[in-house]
Amino acid sequence: MTQADIIRMAREAGLERNGYWEFDMNRLERFFHAAYAAGAAAEREACARAVQLHGGDDRIGPPVTNERHAAAIRARGQA
């Protein structure tokens, strides 16, 4: 996540008003949830890409393809 992404999320959460940063618990909470969700999504995507490139461990269950492992990781964000 870049600094521009963080500033965009802060603005979307309403932390910037009339050119000034204003903080209250509701706005900070909205920002926190947006930033946490973005970080979690980025981590899921990084894990899915790693599985696609390097494969999963099929010894712990029925054989599945790397694509199915990656799809399962990405689907966690929709649960």
PDB file of N, CA and C in Angstrom:
ATOM      1  N   MET A   1       0.855  -1.164   0.000  1.00  0.00           N
ATOM      2  CA  MET A   1       0.000   0.000   0.000  1.00  0.00           C
ATOM      3  C   MET A   1       0.909   1.239   0.000  1.00  0.00           C
ATOM      4  N   THR A   2       0.562   2.175  -0.858  1.00  0.00           N
ATOM      5  CA  THR A   2       1.392   3.369  -0.979  1.00  0.00           C
ATOM      6  C   THR A   2       0.870   4.491  -0.079  1.00  0.00           C
ATOM      7  N   GLN A   3       1.688   5.523   0.058  1.00  0.00           N
ATOM      8  CA  GLN A   3       1.263   6.691   0.832  1.00  0.00           C
ATOM      9  C   GLN A   3       0.031   7.323   0.189  1.00  0.00           C
ATOM     10  N   ALA A   4      -0.020   7.342  -1.128  1.00  0.00           N
ATOM     11  CA  ALA A   4      -1.185   7.894  -1.833  1.00  0.00           C
ATOM     12  C   ALA A   4      -2.447   7.101  -1.509  1.00  0.00           C
ATOM     13  N   ASP A   5      -2.323   5.770  -1.392  1.00  0.00           N
ATOM     14  CA  ASP A   5      -3.473   4.934  -1.024  1.00  0.00           C
ATOM     15  C   ASP A   5      -3.979   5.295   0.372  1.00  0.00           C
ATOM     16  N   ILE A   6      -3.055   5.492   1.295  1.00  0.00           N
ATOM     17  CA  ILE A   6      -3.425   5.818   2.674  1.00  0.00           C
ATOM     18  C   ILE A   6      -4.111   7.176   2.734  1.00  0.00           C
ATOM     19  N   ILE A   7      -3.575   8.149   2.024  1.00  0.00           N
ATOM     20  CA  ILE A   7      -4.200   9.475   2.006  1.00  0.00           C
ATOM     21  C   ILE A   7      -5.586   9.403   1.375  1.00  0.00           C
ATOM     22  N   ARG A   8      -5.720   8.635   0.292  1.00  0.00           N
ATOM     23  CA  ARG A   8      -7.029   8.472  -0.354  1.00  0.00           C
ATOM     24  C   ARG A   8      -8.044   7.863   0.610  1.00  0.00           C
ATOM     25  N   MET A   9      -7.640   6.825   1.338  1.00  0.00           N
ATOM     26  CA  MET A   9      -8.551   6.189   2.294  1.00  0.00           C
ATOM     27  C   MET A   9      -8.911   7.145   3.424  1.00  0.00           C
ATOM     28  N   ALA A  10      -7.952   7.932   3.876  1.00  0.00           N
ATOM     29  CA  ALA A  10      -8.231   8.905   4.938  1.00  0.00           C
ATOM     30  C   ALA A  10      -9.255   9.935   4.462  1.00  0.00           C
ATOM     31  N   ARG A  11      -9.092  10.382   3.240  1.00  0.00           N
ATOM     32  CA  ARG A  11     -10.057  11.344   2.692  1.00  0.00           C
ATOM     33  C   ARG A  11     -11.430  10.708   2.537  1.00  0.00           C
ATOM     34  N   GLU A  12     -11.467   9.473   2.040  1.00  0.00           N
ATOM     35  CA  GLU A  12     -12.744   8.767   1.884  1.00  0.00           C
ATOM     36  C   GLU A  12     -13.436   8.554   3.227  1.00  0.00           C
ATOM     37  N   ALA A  13     -12.657   8.407   4.293  1.00  0.00           N
ATOM     38  CA  ALA A  13     -13.226   8.221   5.630  1.00  0.00           C
ATOM     39  C   ALA A  13     -13.682   9.541   6.242  1.00  0.00           C
ATOM     40  N   GLY A  14     -13.408  10.648   5.546  1.00  0.00           N
ATOM     41  CA  GLY A  14     -13.846  11.945   6.034  1.00  0.00           C
ATOM     42  C   GLY A  14     -12.883  12.624   6.979  1.00  0.00           C
ATOM     43  N   LEU A  15     -11.630  12.198   6.999  1.00  0.00           N
ATOM     44  CA  LEU A  15     -10.667  12.810   7.908  1.00  0.00           C
ATOM     45  C   LEU A  15     -10.193  14.182   7.429  1.00  0.00           C
ATOM     46  N   GLU A  16     -10.366  14.456   6.154  1.00  0.00           N
ATOM     47  CA  GLU A  16      -9.994  15.774   5.635  1.00  0.00           C
ATOM     48  C   GLU A  16     -11.264  16.555   5.312  1.00  0.00           C
ATOM     49  N   ARG A  17     -11.363  17.732   5.897  1.00  0.00           N
ATOM     50  CA  ARG A  17     -12.522  18.599   5.652  1.00  0.00           C
ATOM     51  C   ARG A  17     -12.026  20.025   5.475  1.00  0.00           C
ATOM     52  N   ASN A  18     -12.439  20.640   4.377  1.00  0.00           N
ATOM     53  CA  ASN A  18     -12.061  22.029   4.092  1.00  0.00           C
ATOM     54  C   ASN A  18     -10.554  22.238   4.100  1.00  0.00           C
ATOM     55  N   GLY A  19      -9.809  21.236   3.627  1.00  0.00           N
ATOM     56  CA  GLY A  19      -8.363  21.360   3.538  1.00  0.00           C
ATOM     57  C   GLY A  19      -7.611  21.073   4.818  1.00  0.00           C
ATOM     58  N   TYR A  20      -8.302  20.701   5.884  1.00  0.00           N
ATOM     59  CA  TYR A  20      -7.664  20.398   7.172  1.00  0.00           C
ATOM     60  C   TYR A  20      -7.997  18.974   7.573  1.00  0.00           C
ATOM     61  N   TRP A  21      -7.092  18.386   8.338  1.00  0.00           N
ATOM     62  CA  TRP A  21      -7.341  17.049   8.872  1.00  0.00           C
ATOM     63  C   TRP A  21      -8.106  17.183  10.183  1.00  0.00           C
ATOM     64  N   GLU A  22      -9.230  16.519  10.283  1.00  0.00           N
ATOM     65  CA  GLU A  22     -10.050  16.522  11.498  1.00  0.00           C
ATOM     66  C   GLU A  22     -10.209  15.087  11.960  1.00  0.00           C
ATOM     67  N   PHE A  23      -9.995  14.892  13.232  1.00  0.00           N
ATOM     68  CA  PHE A  23     -10.044  13.538  13.770  1.00  0.00           C
ATOM     69  C   PHE A  23     -11.137  13.424  14.820  1.00  0.00           C
ATOM     70  N   ASP A  24     -11.958  12.417  14.681  1.00  0.00           N
ATOM     71  CA  ASP A  24     -12.872  12.014  15.743  1.00  0.00           C
ATOM     72  C   ASP A  24     -12.970  10.490  15.666  1.00  0.00           C
ATOM     73  N   MET A  25     -13.520   9.891  16.661  1.00  0.00           N
ATOM     74  CA  MET A  25     -13.499   8.434  16.753  1.00  0.00           C
ATOM     75  C   MET A  25     -14.230   7.766  15.587  1.00  0.00           C
ATOM     76  N   ASN A  26     -15.349   8.323  15.150  1.00  0.00           N
ATOM     77  CA  ASN A  26     -16.095   7.706  14.044  1.00  0.00           C
ATOM     78  C   ASN A  26     -15.279   7.723  12.756  1.00  0.00           C
ATOM     79  N   ARG A  27     -14.664   8.850  12.452  1.00  0.00           N
ATOM     80  CA  ARG A  27     -13.859   8.945  11.235  1.00  0.00           C
ATOM     81  C   ARG A  27     -12.624   8.062  11.320  1.00  0.00           C
ATOM     82  N   LEU A  28     -11.973   8.075  12.479  1.00  0.00           N
ATOM     83  CA  LEU A  28     -10.800   7.225  12.647  1.00  0.00           C
ATOM     84  C   LEU A  28     -11.153   5.749  12.522  1.00  0.00           C
ATOM     85  N   GLU A  29     -12.304   5.379  13.046  1.00  0.00           N
ATOM     86  CA  GLU A  29     -12.732   3.989  12.953  1.00  0.00           C
ATOM     87  C   GLU A  29     -13.005   3.599  11.500  1.00  0.00           C
ATOM     88  N   ARG A  30     -13.654   4.476  10.735  1.00  0.00           N
ATOM     89  CA  ARG A  30     -13.885   4.201   9.313  1.00  0.00           C
ATOM     90  C   ARG A  30     -12.555   4.036   8.582  1.00  0.00           C
ATOM     91  N   PHE A  31     -11.609   4.925   8.878  1.00  0.00           N
ATOM     92  CA  PHE A  31     -10.296   4.833   8.250  1.00  0.00           C
ATOM     93  C   PHE A  31      -9.595   3.530   8.641  1.00  0.00           C
ATOM     94  N   PHE A  32      -9.625   3.191   9.915  1.00  0.00           N
ATOM     95  CA  PHE A  32      -8.985   1.969  10.384  1.00  0.00           C
ATOM     96  C   PHE A  32      -9.540   0.751   9.659  1.00  0.00           C
ATOM     97  N   HIS A  33     -10.862   0.659   9.558  1.00  0.00           N
ATOM     98  CA  HIS A  33     -11.473  -0.506   8.905  1.00  0.00           C
ATOM     99  C   HIS A  33     -11.106  -0.568   7.423  1.00  0.00           C
ATOM    100  N   ALA A  34     -11.084   0.574   6.752  1.00  0.00           N
ATOM    101  CA  ALA A  34     -10.709   0.600   5.335  1.00  0.00           C
ATOM    102  C   ALA A  34      -9.248   0.186   5.156  1.00  0.00           C
ATOM    103  N   ALA A  35      -8.362   0.707   5.990  1.00  0.00           N
ATOM    104  CA  ALA A  35      -6.946   0.379   5.889  1.00  0.00           C
ATOM    105  C   ALA A  35      -6.694  -1.093   6.222  1.00  0.00           C
ATOM    106  N   TYR A  36      -7.367  -1.604   7.234  1.00  0.00           N
ATOM    107  CA  TYR A  36      -7.210  -3.011   7.609  1.00  0.00           C
ATOM    108  C   TYR A  36      -7.678  -3.916   6.477  1.00  0.00           C
ATOM    109  N   ALA A  37      -8.845  -3.610   5.903  1.00  0.00           N
ATOM    110  CA  ALA A  37      -9.382  -4.421   4.804  1.00  0.00           C
ATOM    111  C   ALA A  37      -8.442  -4.395   3.601  1.00  0.00           C
ATOM    112  N   ALA A  38      -7.887  -3.232   3.293  1.00  0.00           N
ATOM    113  CA  ALA A  38      -6.963  -3.122   2.160  1.00  0.00           C
ATOM    114  C   ALA A  38      -5.697  -3.941   2.414  1.00  0.00           C
ATOM    115  N   GLY A  39      -5.192  -3.873   3.624  1.00  0.00           N
ATOM    116  CA  GLY A  39      -4.000  -4.658   3.971  1.00  0.00           C
ATOM    117  C   GLY A  39      -4.261  -6.148   3.923  1.00  0.00           C
ATOM    118  N   ALA A  40      -5.405  -6.569   4.419  1.00  0.00           N
ATOM    119  CA  ALA A  40      -5.759  -7.989   4.394  1.00  0.00           C
ATOM    120  C   ALA A  40      -5.918  -8.476   2.963  1.00  0.00           C
ATOM    121  N   ALA A  41      -6.549  -7.670   2.111  1.00  0.00           N
ATOM    122  CA  ALA A  41      -6.720  -8.048   0.707  1.00  0.00           C
ATOM    123  C   ALA A  41      -5.367  -8.164   0.009  1.00  0.00           C
ATOM    124  N   ALA A  42      -4.461  -7.246   0.295  1.00  0.00           N
ATOM    125  CA  ALA A  42      -3.126  -7.301  -0.305  1.00  0.00           C
ATOM    126  C   ALA A  42      -2.377  -8.548   0.162  1.00  0.00           C
ATOM    127  N   GLU A  43      -2.522  -8.901   1.417  1.00  0.00           N
ATOM    128  CA  GLU A  43      -1.859 -10.097   1.944  1.00  0.00           C
ATOM    129  C   GLU A  43      -2.434 -11.360   1.320  1.00  0.00           C
ATOM    130  N   ARG A  44      -3.766 -11.440   1.182  1.00  0.00           N
ATOM    131  CA  ARG A  44      -4.381 -12.600   0.528  1.00  0.00           C
ATOM    132  C   ARG A  44      -3.864 -12.737  -0.904  1.00  0.00           C
ATOM    133  N   GLU A  45      -3.804 -11.621  -1.625  1.00  0.00           N
ATOM    134  CA  GLU A  45      -3.340 -11.670  -3.010  1.00  0.00           C
ATOM    135  C   GLU A  45      -1.882 -12.116  -3.080  1.00  0.00           C
ATOM    136  N   ALA A  46      -1.046 -11.641  -2.177  1.00  0.00           N
ATOM    137  CA  ALA A  46       0.355 -12.057  -2.155  1.00  0.00           C
ATOM    138  C   ALA A  46       0.461 -13.559  -1.882  1.00  0.00           C
ATOM    139  N   CYS A  47      -0.345 -14.068  -0.972  1.00  0.00           N
ATOM    140  CA  CYS A  47      -0.336 -15.503  -0.675  1.00  0.00           C
ATOM    141  C   CYS A  47      -0.810 -16.311  -1.883  1.00  0.00           C
ATOM    142  N   ALA A  48      -1.877 -15.838  -2.532  1.00  0.00           N
ATOM    143  CA  ALA A  48      -2.401 -16.540  -3.701  1.00  0.00           C
ATOM    144  C   ALA A  48      -1.363 -16.585  -4.817  1.00  0.00           C
ATOM    145  N   ARG A  49      -0.660 -15.490  -5.023  1.00  0.00           N
ATOM    146  CA  ARG A  49       0.381 -15.476  -6.061  1.00  0.00           C
ATOM    147  C   ARG A  49       1.514 -16.429  -5.716  1.00  0.00           C
ATOM    148  N   ALA A  50       1.885 -16.482  -4.449  1.00  0.00           N
ATOM    149  CA  ALA A  50       2.948 -17.395  -4.033  1.00  0.00           C
ATOM    150  C   ALA A  50       2.539 -18.841  -4.272  1.00  0.00           C
ATOM    151  N   VAL A  51       1.298 -19.162  -3.985  1.00  0.00           N
ATOM    152  CA  VAL A  51       0.806 -20.523  -4.204  1.00  0.00           C
ATOM    153  C   VAL A  51       0.792 -20.843  -5.692  1.00  0.00           C
ATOM    154  N   GLN A  52       0.363 -19.883  -6.515  1.00  0.00           N
ATOM    155  CA  GLN A  52       0.358 -20.124  -7.946  1.00  0.00           C
ATOM    156  C   GLN A  52       1.766 -20.388  -8.475  1.00  0.00           C
ATOM    157  N   LEU A  53       2.738 -19.653  -7.963  1.00  0.00           N
ATOM    158  CA  LEU A  53       4.104 -19.802  -8.451  1.00  0.00           C
ATOM    159  C   LEU A  53       4.810 -21.032  -7.897  1.00  0.00           C
ATOM    160  N   HIS A  54       4.560 -21.336  -6.618  1.00  0.00           N
ATOM    161  CA  HIS A  54       5.347 -22.370  -5.943  1.00  0.00           C
ATOM    162  C   HIS A  54       4.545 -23.596  -5.558  1.00  0.00           C
ATOM    163  N   GLY A  55       3.246 -23.537  -5.646  1.00  0.00           N
ATOM    164  CA  GLY A  55       2.428 -24.702  -5.352  1.00  0.00           C
ATOM    165  C   GLY A  55       2.082 -24.857  -3.892  1.00  0.00           C
ATOM    166  N   GLY A  56       1.112 -25.692  -3.652  1.00  0.00           N
ATOM    167  CA  GLY A  56       0.662 -25.985  -2.295  1.00  0.00           C
ATOM    168  C   GLY A  56       1.102 -27.381  -1.900  1.00  0.00           C
ATOM    169  N   ASP A  57       0.793 -27.752  -0.710  1.00  0.00           N
ATOM    170  CA  ASP A  57       1.156 -29.069  -0.192  1.00  0.00           C
ATOM    171  C   ASP A  57      -0.047 -29.991  -0.320  1.00  0.00           C
ATOM    172  N   ASP A  58      -0.059 -30.846  -1.324  1.00  0.00           N
ATOM    173  CA  ASP A  58      -1.183 -31.751  -1.552  1.00  0.00           C
ATOM    174  C   ASP A  58      -1.133 -32.990  -0.661  1.00  0.00           C
ATOM    175  N   ARG A  59      -0.088 -33.133   0.164  1.00  0.00           N
ATOM    176  CA  ARG A  59       0.006 -34.302   1.037  1.00  0.00           C
ATOM    177  C   ARG A  59      -1.004 -34.248   2.173  1.00  0.00           C
ATOM    178  N   ILE A  60      -1.553 -33.058   2.460  1.00  0.00           N
ATOM    179  CA  ILE A  60      -2.457 -32.931   3.609  1.00  0.00           C
ATOM    180  C   ILE A  60      -3.918 -33.086   3.224  1.00  0.00           C
ATOM    181  N   GLY A  61      -4.193 -33.354   1.978  1.00  0.00           N
ATOM    182  CA  GLY A  61      -5.577 -33.522   1.549  1.00  0.00           C
ATOM    183  C   GLY A  61      -5.609 -34.045   0.130  1.00  0.00           C
ATOM    184  N   PRO A  62      -6.787 -34.028  -0.461  1.00  0.00           N
ATOM    185  CA  PRO A  62      -6.875 -34.518  -1.839  1.00  0.00           C
ATOM    186  C   PRO A  62      -6.082 -33.617  -2.780  1.00  0.00           C
ATOM    187  N   PRO A  63      -5.543 -34.200  -3.834  1.00  0.00           N
ATOM    188  CA  PRO A  63      -4.762 -33.394  -4.765  1.00  0.00           C
ATOM    189  C   PRO A  63      -5.613 -32.281  -5.394  1.00  0.00           C
ATOM    190  N   VAL A  64      -5.088 -31.096  -5.410  1.00  0.00           N
ATOM    191  CA  VAL A  64      -5.741 -29.964  -6.067  1.00  0.00           C
ATOM    192  C   VAL A  64      -4.673 -29.177  -6.803  1.00  0.00           C
ATOM    193  N   THR A  65      -5.096 -28.415  -7.771  1.00  0.00           N
ATOM    194  CA  THR A  65      -4.130 -27.653  -8.552  1.00  0.00           C
ATOM    195  C   THR A  65      -3.739 -26.380  -7.820  1.00  0.00           C
ATOM    196  N   ASN A  66      -2.655 -25.800  -8.248  1.00  0.00           N
ATOM    197  CA  ASN A  66      -2.220 -24.529  -7.675  1.00  0.00           C
ATOM    198  C   ASN A  66      -3.288 -23.464  -7.876  1.00  0.00           C
ATOM    199  N   GLU A  67      -3.965 -23.493  -9.006  1.00  0.00           N
ATOM    200  CA  GLU A  67      -5.020 -22.509  -9.278  1.00  0.00           C
ATOM    201  C   GLU A  67      -6.164 -22.646  -8.272  1.00  0.00           C
ATOM    202  N   ARG A  68      -6.503 -23.851  -7.901  1.00  0.00           N
ATOM    203  CA  ARG A  68      -7.578 -24.046  -6.915  1.00  0.00           C
ATOM    204  C   ARG A  68      -7.152 -23.561  -5.541  1.00  0.00           C
ATOM    205  N   HIS A  69      -5.896 -23.768  -5.179  1.00  0.00           N
ATOM    206  CA  HIS A  69      -5.389 -23.235  -3.912  1.00  0.00           C
ATOM    207  C   HIS A  69      -5.478 -21.710  -3.919  1.00  0.00           C
ATOM    208  N   ALA A  70      -5.010 -21.098  -4.998  1.00  0.00           N
ATOM    209  CA  ALA A  70      -5.025 -19.648  -5.111  1.00  0.00           C
ATOM    210  C   ALA A  70      -6.445 -19.108  -5.062  1.00  0.00           C
ATOM    211  N   ALA A  71      -7.373 -19.773  -5.745  1.00  0.00           N
ATOM    212  CA  ALA A  71      -8.772 -19.339  -5.739  1.00  0.00           C
ATOM    213  C   ALA A  71      -9.372 -19.432  -4.343  1.00  0.00           C
ATOM    214  N   ALA A  72      -8.993 -20.466  -3.600  1.00  0.00           N
ATOM    215  CA  ALA A  72      -9.490 -20.616  -2.223  1.00  0.00           C
ATOM    216  C   ALA A  72      -8.998 -19.495  -1.344  1.00  0.00           C
ATOM    217  N   ILE A  73      -7.748 -19.083  -1.511  1.00  0.00           N
ATOM    218  CA  ILE A  73      -7.198 -17.980  -0.718  1.00  0.00           C
ATOM    219  C   ILE A  73      -7.922 -16.694  -1.061  1.00  0.00           C
ATOM    220  N   ARG A  74      -8.114 -16.432  -2.358  1.00  0.00           N
ATOM    221  CA  ARG A  74      -8.796 -15.202  -2.764  1.00  0.00           C
ATOM    222  C   ARG A  74     -10.237 -15.185  -2.275  1.00  0.00           C
ATOM    223  N   ALA A  75     -10.896 -16.330  -2.230  1.00  0.00           N
ATOM    224  CA  ALA A  75     -12.288 -16.392  -1.800  1.00  0.00           C
ATOM    225  C   ALA A  75     -12.460 -16.054  -0.328  1.00  0.00           C
ATOM    226  N   ARG A  76     -11.390 -16.176   0.466  1.00  0.00           N
ATOM    227  CA  ARG A  76     -11.490 -15.840   1.893  1.00  0.00           C
ATOM    228  C   ARG A  76     -11.921 -14.394   2.108  1.00  0.00           C
ATOM    229  N   GLY A  77     -11.615 -13.532   1.177  1.00  0.00           N
ATOM    230  CA  GLY A  77     -12.007 -12.128   1.301  1.00  0.00           C
ATOM    231  C   GLY A  77     -13.482 -11.902   1.073  1.00  0.00           C
ATOM    232  N   GLN A  78     -14.189 -12.892   0.564  1.00  0.00           N
ATOM    233  CA  GLN A  78     -15.607 -12.743   0.284  1.00  0.00           C
ATOM    234  C   GLN A  78     -16.477 -13.435   1.314  1.00  0.00           C
ATOM    235  N   ALA A  79     -15.825 -14.051   2.299  1.00  0.00           N
ATOM    236  CA  ALA A  79     -16.564 -14.776   3.341  1.00  0.00           C
ATOM    237  C   ALA A  79     -17.089 -13.845   4.395  1.00  0.00           C
TER     238      ALA A  79
END
